[in-house]
Amino acid sequence: MAKKTVASLQTSSKRLTKAIKMVKSPKSGAYTFVESVMTPELVNEWIAKK
């Protein structure tokens, strides 16, 4: 399960997006959130990757 943030981050001339996904820990079974700032073109690849 993952979600994209609605707002994009604007820094000078580059357009960046902050993506957040939930990752389940194999040891404890608890969910943690992993955040990353990247270009909008790379978001779907990053979310699909385990």
C-alpha atoms as a PDB file:
ATOM      1  CA  MET A   1       0.000   0.000   0.000  1.00  0.00           C
ATOM      2  CA  ALA A   2       1.356   3.370  -0.947  1.00  0.00           C
ATOM      3  CA  LYS A   3       0.135   6.851  -1.471  1.00  0.00           C
ATOM      4  CA  LYS A   4       1.356   9.855  -3.371  1.00  0.00           C
ATOM      5  CA  THR A   5       1.258  13.250  -1.795  1.00  0.00           C
ATOM      6  CA  VAL A   6      -0.917  15.765  -3.571  1.00  0.00           C
ATOM      7  CA  ALA A   7       1.392  18.739  -3.268  1.00  0.00           C
ATOM      8  CA  SER A   8       4.585  19.014  -5.268  1.00  0.00           C
ATOM      9  CA  LEU A   9       7.681  20.613  -3.834  1.00  0.00           C
ATOM     10  CA  GLN A  10       9.043  23.495  -5.908  1.00  0.00           C
ATOM     11  CA  THR A  11      12.771  24.233  -5.649  1.00  0.00           C
ATOM     12  CA  SER A  12      14.133  26.797  -8.114  1.00  0.00           C
ATOM     13  CA  SER A  13      13.732  25.265 -11.597  1.00  0.00           C
ATOM     14  CA  LYS A  14      13.345  21.589 -10.601  1.00  0.00           C
ATOM     15  CA  ARG A  15       9.954  20.063  -9.835  1.00  0.00           C
ATOM     16  CA  LEU A  16      10.098  17.457  -7.077  1.00  0.00           C
ATOM     17  CA  THR A  17       7.498  15.225  -5.447  1.00  0.00           C
ATOM     18  CA  LYS A  18       7.567  13.663  -1.994  1.00  0.00           C
ATOM     19  CA  ALA A  19       6.351  10.050  -2.044  1.00  0.00           C
ATOM     20  CA  ILE A  20       5.433   8.006   1.029  1.00  0.00           C
ATOM     21  CA  LYS A  21       4.875   4.238   1.200  1.00  0.00           C
ATOM     22  CA  MET A  22       4.144   1.753   3.968  1.00  0.00           C
ATOM     23  CA  VAL A  23       6.593  -1.122   4.384  1.00  0.00           C
ATOM     24  CA  LYS A  24       5.894  -4.145   6.572  1.00  0.00           C
ATOM     25  CA  SER A  25       8.784  -5.350   8.697  1.00  0.00           C
ATOM     26  CA  PRO A  26       9.484  -9.072   8.179  1.00  0.00           C
ATOM     27  CA  LYS A  27      10.655  -9.514  11.798  1.00  0.00           C
ATOM     28  CA  SER A  28       7.973  -7.786  13.856  1.00  0.00           C
ATOM     29  CA  GLY A  29       5.159  -7.423  11.332  1.00  0.00           C
ATOM     30  CA  ALA A  30       4.828  -3.719  12.145  1.00  0.00           C
ATOM     31  CA  TYR A  31       4.386  -1.154   9.397  1.00  0.00           C
ATOM     32  CA  THR A  32       6.794   1.733   8.907  1.00  0.00           C
ATOM     33  CA  PHE A  33       6.636   4.673   6.536  1.00  0.00           C
ATOM     34  CA  VAL A  34       9.411   5.320   4.025  1.00  0.00           C
ATOM     35  CA  GLU A  35       9.632   8.799   2.502  1.00  0.00           C
ATOM     36  CA  SER A  36      11.586   9.971  -0.510  1.00  0.00           C
ATOM     37  CA  VAL A  37      11.788  13.172  -2.569  1.00  0.00           C
ATOM     38  CA  MET A  38      12.201  12.602  -6.315  1.00  0.00           C
ATOM     39  CA  THR A  39      11.092  13.749  -9.733  1.00  0.00           C
ATOM     40  CA  PRO A  40       7.460  12.927 -10.596  1.00  0.00           C
ATOM     41  CA  GLU A  41       8.533  10.531 -13.383  1.00  0.00           C
ATOM     42  CA  LEU A  42      10.246   8.183 -10.908  1.00  0.00           C
ATOM     43  CA  VAL A  43       7.443   7.945  -8.334  1.00  0.00           C
ATOM     44  CA  ASN A  44       5.562   4.978  -9.850  1.00  0.00           C
ATOM     45  CA  GLU A  45       8.790   2.958 -10.243  1.00  0.00           C
ATOM     46  CA  TRP A  46       9.788   3.657  -6.624  1.00  0.00           C
ATOM     47  CA  ILE A  47       6.359   2.679  -5.279  1.00  0.00           C
ATOM     48  CA  ALA A  48       6.286  -0.564  -7.301  1.00  0.00           C
ATOM     49  CA  LYS A  49       9.743  -1.591  -6.036  1.00  0.00           C
ATOM     50  CA  LYS A  50       9.839  -3.690  -2.850  1.00  0.00           C
END
